[in-house]
Protein backbone atom coordinates (compact mmCIF):
# COMPACT_ATOMS: atom_id res chain seq x y z
CA UNK A 1 64.74 55.05 97.33
CA UNK A 2 64.26 57.95 94.67
CA UNK A 3 66.70 61.08 94.86
CA UNK A 4 63.82 63.17 95.57
CA UNK A 5 64.19 67.02 95.05
CA UNK A 6 63.26 69.41 97.73
CA UNK A 7 62.43 72.36 95.76
CA UNK A 8 60.99 72.61 91.99
CA UNK A 9 60.56 75.63 89.84
CA UNK A 10 57.87 74.95 87.29
CA UNK A 11 56.51 76.89 84.29
CA UNK A 12 59.36 79.11 84.01
CA UNK A 13 61.81 80.80 81.64
CA UNK A 14 65.03 79.84 82.93
CA UNK A 15 68.31 80.72 81.47
CA UNK A 16 70.80 78.35 82.85
CA UNK A 17 73.93 79.64 81.25
CA UNK A 18 74.84 76.22 80.96
CA UNK A 19 75.76 75.42 77.46
CA UNK A 20 74.56 71.64 78.38
CA UNK A 21 71.05 73.30 78.82
CA UNK A 22 70.79 76.58 77.84
CA UNK A 23 67.17 77.62 78.51
CA UNK A 24 64.62 75.04 80.44
CA UNK A 25 61.41 75.69 82.19
CA UNK A 26 61.96 73.82 85.32
CA UNK A 27 64.68 73.37 88.09
CA UNK A 28 65.06 71.28 91.10
CA UNK A 29 66.99 71.70 94.05
CA UNK A 30 68.56 69.29 96.55
CA UNK A 31 71.03 70.28 99.55
CA UNK A 32 71.40 73.53 98.25
CA UNK A 33 72.61 72.62 94.88
CA UNK A 34 70.77 72.23 91.41
CA UNK A 35 69.62 68.98 91.40
CA UNK A 36 68.15 68.51 87.60
CA UNK A 37 67.24 70.80 84.73
CA UNK A 38 63.98 70.14 82.35
CA UNK A 39 62.25 66.99 82.25
CA UNK A 40 64.42 65.50 84.99
CA UNK A 41 64.09 68.03 87.36
CA UNK A 42 59.95 67.35 87.02
CA UNK A 43 60.70 63.77 87.32
CA UNK A 44 62.79 64.32 90.71
CA UNK A 45 59.47 65.40 92.62
CA UNK A 46 58.32 63.69 95.62
CA UNK A 47 55.96 63.89 98.36
CA UNK A 48 58.13 65.90 100.04
CA UNK A 49 58.81 68.54 97.48
CA UNK A 50 57.68 71.79 97.62
CA UNK A 51 56.73 72.84 94.16
CA UNK A 52 56.77 76.78 92.83
CA UNK A 53 55.01 77.71 89.82
CA UNK A 54 56.31 80.41 88.34
CA UNK A 55 53.80 81.44 86.12
CA UNK A 56 55.93 81.97 83.14
CA UNK A 57 58.61 84.80 84.94
CA UNK A 58 61.79 84.94 83.82
CA UNK A 59 65.02 83.29 86.08
CA UNK A 60 68.34 83.12 85.54
CA UNK A 61 71.56 82.51 87.79
CA UNK A 62 72.43 85.14 90.42
CA UNK A 63 74.13 88.01 89.60
CA UNK A 64 77.91 88.68 90.52
CA UNK A 65 80.06 91.64 90.86
CA UNK A 66 83.63 91.46 90.42
CA UNK A 67 84.15 94.81 92.42
CA UNK A 68 82.73 96.68 95.36
CA UNK A 69 83.04 97.82 98.66
CA UNK A 70 79.91 96.22 100.55
CA UNK A 71 81.38 97.09 104.10
CA UNK A 72 81.66 100.63 103.17
CA UNK A 73 78.17 100.77 101.71
CA UNK A 74 76.96 98.80 104.46
CA UNK A 75 78.12 101.19 107.09
CA UNK A 76 77.11 104.29 105.14
CA UNK A 77 73.49 102.94 105.01
CA UNK A 78 73.65 102.10 108.69
CA UNK A 79 75.66 104.53 110.49
CA UNK A 80 76.80 107.63 107.97
CA UNK A 81 75.55 110.52 106.12
CA UNK A 82 74.87 109.07 102.92
CA UNK A 83 74.13 111.74 99.87
CA UNK A 84 74.34 111.68 96.12
CA UNK A 85 77.30 113.33 94.36
CA UNK A 86 75.22 115.20 92.36
CA UNK A 87 74.22 117.82 94.94
CA UNK A 88 75.38 121.32 94.72
CA UNK A 89 77.62 122.56 97.70
CA UNK A 90 74.54 124.32 99.19
CA UNK A 91 72.63 121.13 99.01
CA UNK A 92 75.56 119.12 100.60
CA UNK A 93 75.75 121.60 103.51
CA UNK A 94 72.07 121.78 104.23
CA UNK A 95 72.46 117.73 104.27
CA UNK A 96 75.30 118.13 106.77
CA UNK A 97 73.55 120.40 108.68
CA UNK A 98 70.19 118.28 109.38
CA UNK A 99 72.37 115.06 109.48
CA UNK A 100 74.20 116.91 112.53
CA UNK A 101 71.15 117.44 114.63
CA UNK A 102 70.49 113.47 115.43
CA UNK A 103 74.27 113.59 116.81
CA UNK A 104 75.91 113.90 120.24
CA UNK A 105 78.15 116.66 120.35
CA UNK A 106 81.32 115.37 119.74
CA UNK A 107 80.08 112.80 117.42
CA UNK A 108 82.11 112.60 114.05
CA UNK A 109 79.83 113.22 111.06
CA UNK A 110 81.33 110.63 108.37
CA UNK A 111 80.05 109.64 105.27
CA UNK A 112 79.68 111.47 101.55
CA UNK A 113 79.72 111.87 98.76
CA UNK A 114 80.43 114.95 97.08
CA UNK A 115 81.18 115.37 93.61
CA UNK A 116 84.46 115.28 91.92
CA UNK A 117 83.36 118.41 90.09
CA UNK A 118 83.32 120.16 93.40
CA UNK A 119 86.88 120.13 94.31
CA UNK A 120 87.56 123.66 93.64
CA UNK A 121 84.77 125.21 95.10
CA UNK A 122 85.38 123.30 98.04
CA UNK A 123 89.07 124.46 98.41
CA UNK A 124 88.57 127.68 99.81
CA UNK A 125 88.48 129.30 103.53
CA UNK A 126 85.04 130.26 102.85
CA UNK A 127 83.68 126.91 102.22
CA UNK A 128 85.64 125.27 105.12
CA UNK A 129 83.91 128.13 107.73
CA UNK A 130 80.42 127.29 106.22
CA UNK A 131 81.40 123.14 106.81
CA UNK A 132 82.50 124.11 110.23
CA UNK A 133 79.01 125.74 110.91
CA UNK A 134 76.92 123.25 109.34
CA UNK A 135 78.91 120.56 111.60
CA UNK A 136 78.09 122.67 114.98
CA UNK A 137 81.37 122.15 116.16
CA UNK A 138 81.83 118.78 115.56
CA UNK A 139 84.67 117.12 113.94
CA UNK A 140 83.18 115.80 110.13
CA UNK A 141 84.88 114.13 107.11
CA UNK A 142 83.40 113.31 103.78
CA UNK A 143 84.70 111.10 100.95
CA UNK A 144 84.32 112.32 97.27
CA UNK A 145 82.41 110.30 94.56
CA UNK A 146 85.72 108.22 93.90
CA UNK A 147 86.51 107.89 97.52
CA UNK A 148 89.77 108.28 97.18
CA UNK A 149 89.39 112.14 98.31
CA UNK A 150 88.30 113.98 101.47
CA UNK A 151 87.09 117.15 102.60
CA UNK A 152 87.54 117.37 106.45
CA UNK A 153 86.71 120.24 108.67
CA UNK A 154 88.69 122.19 111.07
CA UNK A 155 88.04 120.08 114.25
CA UNK A 156 88.84 116.73 112.43
CA UNK A 157 92.10 118.53 111.00
CA UNK A 158 93.04 119.57 114.43
CA UNK A 159 92.34 115.92 115.90
CA UNK A 160 94.52 114.42 113.17
CA UNK A 161 97.22 116.74 113.83
CA UNK A 162 97.14 118.89 110.53
CA UNK A 163 98.08 122.32 110.41
CA UNK A 164 98.97 124.36 107.36
CA UNK A 165 102.56 123.84 107.88
CA UNK A 166 102.18 119.79 107.96
CA UNK A 167 104.00 118.34 105.13
CA UNK A 168 101.84 116.46 102.37
CA UNK A 169 102.54 112.45 102.68
CA UNK A 170 103.78 110.70 99.95
CA UNK A 171 101.35 109.93 97.31
CA UNK A 172 98.85 112.64 98.59
CA UNK A 173 98.43 116.38 99.27
CA UNK A 174 96.76 118.84 101.86
CA UNK A 175 95.31 121.47 99.70
CA UNK A 176 95.90 124.97 100.68
CA UNK A 177 94.51 128.52 99.75
CA UNK A 178 97.14 131.23 97.92
CA UNK A 179 98.27 132.18 101.98
CA UNK A 180 99.05 128.80 102.28
CA UNK A 181 96.38 127.83 104.98
CA UNK A 182 94.91 124.14 104.81
CA UNK A 183 91.48 123.72 103.21
CA UNK A 184 90.28 120.62 104.57
CA UNK A 185 90.87 119.17 101.05
CA UNK A 186 92.56 116.34 101.06
CA UNK A 187 94.08 114.27 97.91
CA UNK A 188 94.50 110.30 98.02
CA UNK A 189 96.59 109.89 101.12
CA UNK A 190 96.55 113.33 102.37
CA UNK A 191 93.44 112.18 104.22
CA UNK A 192 95.03 109.05 105.85
CA UNK A 193 95.70 110.90 109.16
CA UNK A 194 92.30 111.87 109.50
CA UNK A 195 91.04 108.38 108.81
CA UNK A 196 93.75 107.15 111.24
CA UNK A 197 92.19 109.77 114.03
CA UNK A 198 88.48 108.51 113.37
CA UNK A 199 89.48 104.96 113.73
CA UNK A 200 91.30 105.69 116.99
CA UNK A 201 88.72 108.07 118.53
CA UNK A 202 85.39 106.48 117.03
CA UNK A 203 86.29 102.99 116.12
CA UNK A 204 83.76 99.86 115.08
CA UNK A 205 83.65 96.75 116.66
CA UNK A 206 83.84 93.42 114.86
CA UNK A 207 80.19 93.36 115.84
CA UNK A 208 79.38 96.62 114.03
CA UNK A 209 81.48 95.46 111.20
CA UNK A 210 79.56 92.16 110.99
CA UNK A 211 76.38 94.16 110.86
CA UNK A 212 77.54 96.74 107.98
CA UNK A 213 78.67 93.71 106.21
CA UNK A 214 75.09 91.80 106.29
CA UNK A 215 73.81 95.14 105.60
CA UNK A 216 75.78 95.58 102.55
CA UNK A 217 74.80 91.96 101.74
CA UNK A 218 71.13 92.71 102.27
CA UNK A 219 71.27 95.15 99.62
CA UNK A 220 73.09 93.06 97.11
CA UNK A 221 70.56 90.47 97.34
CA UNK A 222 67.56 93.22 96.71
CA UNK A 223 69.36 93.49 93.56
CA UNK A 224 69.87 89.88 92.41
CA UNK A 225 73.55 89.61 93.49
CA UNK A 226 74.60 86.45 95.03
CA UNK A 227 78.39 86.50 95.00
CA UNK A 228 80.92 89.59 95.14
CA UNK A 229 84.72 90.38 95.40
CA UNK A 230 85.18 93.07 98.01
CA UNK A 231 88.08 95.22 96.27
CA UNK A 232 89.76 96.41 99.30
CA UNK A 233 89.72 94.11 102.18
CA UNK A 234 91.21 94.85 105.89
CA UNK A 235 91.75 92.00 108.55
CA UNK A 236 88.80 93.48 110.74
CA UNK A 237 86.36 92.95 107.49
CA UNK A 238 88.06 89.13 106.96
CA UNK A 239 87.28 88.75 110.65
CA UNK A 240 83.32 90.20 110.81
CA UNK A 241 82.88 87.90 107.45
CA UNK A 242 84.34 84.51 109.39
CA UNK A 243 82.13 85.53 112.44
CA UNK A 244 78.75 85.63 109.80
CA UNK A 245 79.96 82.11 107.85
CA UNK A 246 80.78 80.48 111.41
CA UNK A 247 77.25 81.82 112.40
CA UNK A 248 75.90 80.42 108.89
CA UNK A 249 74.63 84.48 108.26
CA UNK A 250 76.88 84.71 105.47
CA UNK A 251 74.62 84.47 102.50
CA UNK A 252 76.92 84.62 99.70
CA UNK A 253 79.83 84.04 97.90
CA UNK A 254 82.79 86.58 99.00
CA UNK A 255 86.20 87.16 97.68
CA UNK A 256 88.71 89.28 99.27
CA UNK A 257 91.25 91.25 98.01
CA UNK A 258 93.74 91.87 100.89
CA UNK A 259 95.40 95.33 100.93
CA UNK A 260 98.99 95.23 99.96
CA UNK A 261 99.27 98.57 99.96
CA UNK A 262 97.16 101.77 101.05
CA UNK A 263 96.54 105.46 100.62
CA UNK A 264 93.30 106.25 101.23
CA UNK A 265 91.35 104.31 103.62
CA UNK A 266 93.93 104.43 106.71
CA UNK A 267 93.81 100.71 106.92
CA UNK A 268 96.25 98.72 109.08
CA UNK A 269 97.56 96.07 109.21
CA UNK A 270 98.89 95.92 105.58
CA UNK A 271 100.16 93.21 103.21
CA UNK A 272 101.79 90.20 105.06
CA UNK A 273 100.04 91.40 108.11
CA UNK A 274 96.82 90.61 106.56
CA UNK A 275 98.00 87.58 103.97
CA UNK A 276 99.54 86.04 107.51
CA UNK A 277 95.78 85.29 108.32
CA UNK A 278 94.19 84.47 105.30
CA UNK A 279 94.09 80.39 106.11
CA UNK A 280 92.44 81.10 109.40
CA UNK A 281 89.89 83.61 108.07
CA UNK A 282 88.16 81.24 104.81
CA UNK A 283 85.52 79.89 105.23
CA UNK A 284 82.54 78.01 103.34
CA UNK A 285 81.61 80.99 101.67
CA UNK A 286 84.47 83.34 101.78
CA UNK A 287 87.61 82.89 99.93
CA UNK A 288 90.38 85.41 100.96
CA UNK A 289 92.19 84.55 97.32
CA UNK A 290 93.31 87.89 96.18
CA UNK A 291 95.48 90.82 97.27
CA UNK A 292 94.46 94.30 96.38
CA UNK A 293 97.53 96.87 95.03
CA UNK A 294 96.55 100.39 94.30
CA UNK A 295 98.90 101.41 91.55
CA UNK A 296 97.98 104.65 91.18
CA UNK A 297 94.55 107.16 91.93
CA UNK A 298 92.14 108.81 89.77
CA UNK A 299 92.34 111.12 87.01
CA UNK A 300 90.36 114.09 88.34
CA UNK A 301 92.81 114.39 91.13
CA UNK A 302 95.76 114.26 88.84
CA UNK A 303 96.96 110.59 90.21
CA UNK A 304 96.12 108.72 87.56
CA UNK A 305 99.24 107.80 85.85
CA UNK A 306 99.28 108.38 82.19
CA UNK A 307 101.77 108.01 79.17
CA UNK A 308 100.56 111.64 77.64
CA UNK A 309 100.29 114.71 79.66
CA UNK A 310 97.30 115.94 81.34
CA UNK A 311 95.61 119.12 80.60
CA UNK A 312 97.48 122.19 81.13
CA UNK A 313 95.79 125.17 83.21
CA UNK A 314 94.48 122.98 85.37
CA UNK A 315 95.66 122.93 88.54
CA UNK A 316 98.67 120.25 87.62
CA UNK A 317 102.20 121.20 87.31
CA UNK A 318 103.25 121.66 83.18
CA UNK A 319 103.49 118.39 81.45
CA UNK A 320 102.13 116.32 84.25
CA UNK A 321 101.62 112.56 83.80
CA UNK A 322 100.41 111.36 87.29
CA UNK A 323 102.56 108.58 88.61
CA UNK A 324 102.39 105.00 90.01
CA UNK A 325 102.47 104.60 93.90
CA UNK A 326 105.28 102.00 93.49
CA UNK A 327 108.24 101.13 91.17
CA UNK A 328 108.24 98.82 88.80
CA UNK A 329 110.50 96.38 91.05
CA UNK A 330 107.80 96.58 93.90
CA UNK A 331 105.25 95.69 91.81
CA UNK A 332 107.09 92.70 90.27
CA UNK A 333 108.25 91.30 93.99
CA UNK A 334 104.55 91.69 95.06
CA UNK A 335 103.20 89.73 91.97
CA UNK A 336 106.09 87.25 92.02
CA UNK A 337 105.82 86.64 96.14
CA UNK A 338 102.20 86.13 95.96
CA UNK A 339 102.02 83.72 92.77
CA UNK A 340 104.53 81.51 94.33
CA UNK A 341 101.95 80.87 97.10
CA UNK A 342 99.01 80.93 94.76
CA UNK A 343 97.57 84.51 95.65
CA UNK A 344 96.01 86.33 92.61
CA UNK A 345 95.96 89.97 92.50
CA UNK A 346 93.42 93.00 91.48
CA UNK A 347 95.39 96.09 90.54
CA UNK A 348 93.80 99.77 91.03
CA UNK A 349 94.67 101.13 87.34
CA UNK A 350 92.88 104.14 86.04
CA UNK A 351 95.70 105.33 83.71
CA UNK A 352 97.24 103.86 80.57
CA UNK A 353 100.43 103.97 81.91
CA UNK A 354 99.54 102.20 85.22
CA UNK A 355 97.50 99.25 82.58
CA UNK A 356 100.93 99.08 80.74
CA UNK A 357 103.05 98.39 84.04
CA UNK A 358 100.87 95.62 85.16
CA UNK A 359 100.67 93.89 81.83
CA UNK A 360 104.58 94.29 81.76
CA UNK A 361 104.65 92.86 85.07
CA UNK A 362 102.29 89.89 84.61
CA UNK A 363 103.94 89.12 81.36
CA UNK A 364 107.28 88.14 83.77
CA UNK A 365 104.89 86.28 86.03
CA UNK A 366 103.90 84.08 83.65
CA UNK A 367 107.28 83.81 81.96
CA UNK A 368 108.54 82.21 85.45
CA UNK A 369 105.65 79.66 84.98
CA UNK A 370 102.95 80.81 87.16
CA UNK A 371 99.95 80.39 85.25
CA UNK A 372 97.12 79.64 87.87
CA UNK A 373 97.25 83.12 89.44
CA UNK A 374 94.39 85.49 88.22
CA UNK A 375 95.07 89.20 87.62
CA UNK A 376 92.60 91.80 87.34
CA UNK A 377 93.04 95.16 86.10
CA UNK A 378 90.56 96.76 88.10
CA UNK A 379 88.90 99.81 86.31
CA UNK A 380 91.54 100.40 83.24
CA UNK A 381 89.48 103.04 81.57
CA UNK A 382 92.61 103.85 79.75
CA UNK A 383 94.23 101.68 77.14
CA UNK A 384 96.55 102.04 74.73
CA UNK A 385 95.75 100.24 71.26
CA UNK A 386 99.06 98.02 71.27
CA UNK A 387 98.07 96.84 74.78
CA UNK A 388 94.44 95.64 74.04
CA UNK A 389 95.59 92.24 73.08
CA UNK A 390 97.66 91.39 75.63
CA UNK A 391 94.72 91.23 78.09
CA UNK A 392 93.70 87.94 76.63
CA UNK A 393 97.54 86.89 76.00
CA UNK A 394 98.42 87.13 79.73
CA UNK A 395 95.06 86.00 81.14
CA UNK A 396 94.35 89.12 82.47
CA UNK A 397 90.69 90.36 83.16
CA UNK A 398 89.24 93.31 82.53
CA UNK A 399 87.68 94.66 85.85
CA UNK A 400 85.05 97.15 84.74
CA UNK A 401 82.52 99.30 86.20
CA UNK A 402 80.34 101.01 83.91
CA UNK A 403 78.87 103.85 86.14
CA UNK A 404 82.22 105.01 86.40
CA UNK A 405 82.50 105.94 82.61
CA UNK A 406 79.36 105.79 80.78
CA UNK A 407 78.20 109.62 80.84
CA UNK A 408 77.63 111.28 84.42
CA UNK A 409 79.65 112.65 86.91
CA UNK A 410 83.06 111.19 86.82
CA UNK A 411 83.16 110.99 83.02
CA UNK A 412 82.47 115.08 83.06
CA UNK A 413 85.13 115.32 85.68
CA UNK A 414 87.67 113.52 83.69
CA UNK A 415 86.70 115.68 80.45
CA UNK A 416 87.88 118.63 82.44
CA UNK A 417 91.64 117.10 83.04
CA UNK A 418 92.55 115.55 79.85
CA UNK A 419 92.62 116.45 76.35
CA UNK A 420 89.03 115.75 74.35
CA UNK A 421 90.36 113.06 72.38
CA UNK A 422 91.36 111.09 74.95
CA UNK A 423 88.64 111.83 77.88
CA UNK A 424 85.95 110.54 75.14
CA UNK A 425 87.96 107.18 74.45
CA UNK A 426 87.13 105.20 77.98
CA UNK A 427 86.56 101.28 78.23
CA UNK A 428 87.53 99.35 75.01
CA UNK A 429 85.29 96.99 76.07
CA UNK A 430 84.30 95.84 72.26
CA UNK A 431 87.73 95.75 71.28
CA UNK A 432 88.69 93.67 74.37
CA UNK A 433 86.13 91.14 73.54
CA UNK A 434 87.10 91.18 69.90
CA UNK A 435 90.62 90.11 71.06
CA UNK A 436 89.37 86.97 73.42
CA UNK A 437 89.91 89.20 76.60
CA UNK A 438 87.06 88.28 79.44
CA UNK A 439 85.33 91.27 81.01
CA UNK A 440 83.92 91.00 84.46
CA UNK A 441 81.34 93.23 85.51
CA UNK A 442 81.93 95.38 88.89
CA UNK A 443 80.01 98.03 90.39
CA UNK A 444 82.53 99.75 92.71
CA UNK A 445 79.61 100.40 94.97
CA UNK A 446 79.25 102.74 96.95
CA UNK A 447 81.64 104.78 94.61
CA UNK A 448 78.81 104.25 92.33
CA UNK A 449 75.27 105.05 93.89
CA UNK A 450 73.88 101.63 93.76
CA UNK A 451 74.88 98.10 92.59
CA UNK A 452 72.28 97.93 90.27
CA UNK A 453 73.19 95.26 87.47
CA UNK A 454 70.93 96.11 85.16
CA UNK A 455 72.02 99.87 84.59
CA UNK A 456 75.28 98.46 84.24
CA UNK A 457 74.43 96.42 81.44
CA UNK A 458 72.50 98.96 80.07
CA UNK A 459 75.37 100.97 79.86
CA UNK A 460 77.61 98.23 78.25
CA UNK A 461 74.87 97.85 75.27
CA UNK A 462 74.23 101.47 74.63
CA UNK A 463 77.41 103.66 76.11
CA UNK A 464 74.51 105.61 77.70
CA UNK A 465 73.47 106.83 81.17
CA UNK A 466 70.49 104.87 82.28
CA UNK A 467 69.00 107.47 84.10
CA UNK A 468 68.77 110.04 81.12
CA UNK A 469 70.14 112.82 83.71
CA UNK A 470 73.59 113.25 81.20
CA UNK A 471 72.87 112.98 77.76
CA UNK A 472 74.83 111.45 74.95
CA UNK A 473 76.87 108.40 74.13
CA UNK A 474 80.61 107.48 75.43
CA UNK A 475 82.54 105.98 72.46
CA UNK A 476 79.27 103.93 71.38
CA UNK A 477 81.41 101.85 68.69
CA UNK A 478 82.67 99.93 71.96
CA UNK A 479 79.23 98.78 72.45
CA UNK A 480 78.70 95.04 73.26
CA UNK A 481 75.60 92.71 73.08
CA UNK A 482 73.19 92.22 75.45
CA UNK A 483 74.19 88.43 75.77
CA UNK A 484 77.54 89.69 76.29
CA UNK A 485 76.89 92.15 79.02
CA UNK A 486 74.95 89.33 81.03
CA UNK A 487 77.78 87.04 80.87
CA UNK A 488 80.22 89.62 82.25
CA UNK A 489 78.06 90.06 85.45
CA UNK A 490 77.26 86.21 85.57
CA UNK A 491 79.92 83.34 84.09
CA UNK A 492 82.72 85.88 83.03
CA UNK A 493 82.69 87.33 86.70
CA UNK A 494 82.44 83.83 88.29
CA UNK A 495 85.78 82.79 86.12
CA UNK A 496 87.66 85.95 87.13
CA UNK A 497 86.65 85.49 91.07
CA UNK A 498 87.45 81.76 91.04
CA UNK A 499 84.17 81.12 92.10
CA UNK A 500 83.17 79.42 88.73
CA UNK A 501 83.39 75.84 90.72
CA UNK A 502 80.34 76.58 92.66
CA UNK A 503 78.15 79.43 90.92
CA UNK A 504 77.84 81.43 87.93
CA UNK A 505 75.62 79.10 85.96
CA UNK A 506 72.60 77.16 86.72
CA UNK A 507 74.54 73.32 86.63
CA UNK A 508 73.55 70.37 88.10
CA UNK A 509 75.94 70.20 91.18
CA UNK A 510 76.60 73.75 91.56
CA UNK A 511 75.18 75.93 94.45
CA UNK A 512 71.33 77.09 93.68
CA UNK A 513 71.71 80.89 93.06
CA UNK A 514 68.96 81.92 91.36
CA UNK A 515 66.99 85.37 90.57
CA UNK A 516 63.19 85.55 89.34
CA UNK A 517 63.19 88.79 87.73
CA UNK A 518 60.19 91.18 86.66
CA UNK A 519 61.10 90.88 83.05
CA UNK A 520 62.89 89.30 80.66
CA UNK A 521 65.73 90.96 79.42
CA UNK A 522 65.48 89.37 76.21
CA UNK A 523 61.87 90.69 75.41
CA UNK A 524 61.57 93.93 76.12
CA UNK A 525 62.85 97.27 74.81
CA UNK A 526 66.78 98.08 75.60
CA UNK A 527 65.76 101.20 76.90
CA UNK A 528 63.56 99.28 79.79
CA UNK A 529 66.73 97.42 80.80
CA UNK A 530 67.54 99.79 83.74
CA UNK A 531 64.15 99.36 85.05
CA UNK A 532 64.37 95.51 85.73
CA UNK A 533 63.79 94.61 89.15
CA UNK A 534 64.32 91.52 91.13
CA UNK A 535 61.29 89.72 92.86
CA UNK A 536 63.13 87.06 94.37
CA UNK A 537 66.51 86.13 95.14
CA UNK A 538 68.01 82.37 96.35
CA UNK A 539 70.93 81.53 97.73
CA UNK A 540 72.29 78.05 97.97
CA UNK A 541 68.50 76.95 97.68
CA UNK A 542 66.92 79.28 100.07
CA UNK A 543 64.86 82.24 99.71
CA UNK A 544 67.11 85.54 100.94
CA UNK A 545 65.17 88.35 99.33
CA UNK A 546 61.62 88.95 98.10
CA UNK A 547 60.44 92.43 97.00
CA UNK A 548 57.23 93.88 99.10
CA UNK A 549 54.43 95.78 97.18
CA UNK A 550 56.19 94.93 93.61
CA UNK A 551 54.07 96.19 90.38
CA UNK A 552 54.16 92.81 88.31
CA UNK A 553 54.32 92.62 84.39
CA UNK A 554 51.16 92.26 83.23
CA UNK A 555 50.80 89.07 81.75
CA UNK A 556 52.89 87.17 84.36
CA UNK A 557 51.81 85.80 87.46
CA UNK A 558 53.07 86.53 90.74
CA UNK A 559 55.32 83.56 92.09
CA UNK A 560 53.56 81.43 94.02
CA UNK A 561 53.78 78.34 96.15
CA UNK A 562 51.92 75.63 95.23
CA UNK A 563 51.08 72.23 97.12
CA UNK A 564 54.19 69.59 97.77
CA UNK A 565 53.81 66.98 95.43
């Protein structure tokens, strides 16, 4: 009996990212997998095959995102105040007031985001009083654009037990005015008490978390993303993912990074308390294969660890370099003990000193004979020149999020705390690729406003802001090519996440994860890249997203199904 395909795409421009068949015009799908390509695909059509004539449209593998927080994004979309970090304080307070009108009298106002550049303005009794008034007596806590820092009102501080004389926690700060009164601005671990109070007083059920996770994935599908790594997974999230997959509702490849430590989310349990459940929570589409270590914080808050000092006179102690969240011995213990069990690690580093420490520690792990575990230096905007070559030598992936470093709110905030010659030298991508390093693309969404990969690709190729709101180019010498940037969000990402056995290219035998786009990225002006949209997203051979009311590019026919062949 002939091995007939279930689905056949014809009359398309299909970039497979499979070196054996880089570009074809047809693709066949069977049992959720790529069956065949080109002439072999057309030969696989039979009486029951559904044939889709794409009218010359561009098709490529589903996009991947190595670093996001999809659950947080889903929660923000479903349950929270969700404002852009570009708003002024007046605009933000108005949004809080409007949002509060729809809440019960004692219901928490949660969400964000306030821009890092507002920190000094928020840190005052007057701003706290205005926050209290906008909330109308409700407890409220809002995250900043990095999601590392919080702004809590007086009612939230009270419920968290934070008073003017409450000691700063390790790894954080409860900011105060000149007279010693808490202003509600909570830096890094300073916000954990409020997060814990929120979790205790207004908890989300596993059902709510599953809804939020599914909503986050729906949004990712609308941008053509079919696989991702959640960069800070809690045990409740992992249970929600297992629940979704058991119900056949998890339509993405999901790799989770189990939190080893935490000083911003208030997560419990941590470390071994999560790792102990990884095998029972593994499923067909969910791979809990990484731990997540926060090794430092973020530059605008002075919590990123650098080799050289921050600027003086910007609110930090003299000769302040920041610091790591754990000593070198603790990092080595974590990486060695997990490597013994085949567990990989994603490590948050935003300063060059934390990057150096990770590379030094991974060198010891490799010397001990552990070659299989994967290591990601997450963010890693700042890398000392002598450390660039070590990424390839140690097989360490540079996990990058362009929206965090191309000209924008965050890069402007970084420029206020670092000398100009250092602040302008972020993300040496060209140098990393030239030394053989793997770069994997992430969004860090919802730290970024959206998970739009084409905005990230534009940033990689031009080193400019894709919206045009922020002028200039950041270290343009480090630009990479369009083909390289597309691999950053597909095949390289799959390798970094450990899902290259099932996705990342349209290779026969792999999952039929593909997207139909509004434009061929290789045939449009580079300035048009950010405006590419997804017409359709397919995961495992099933359509999981289709745009409504899209304006199709002139000369390209809207995708349509023909009669079964």
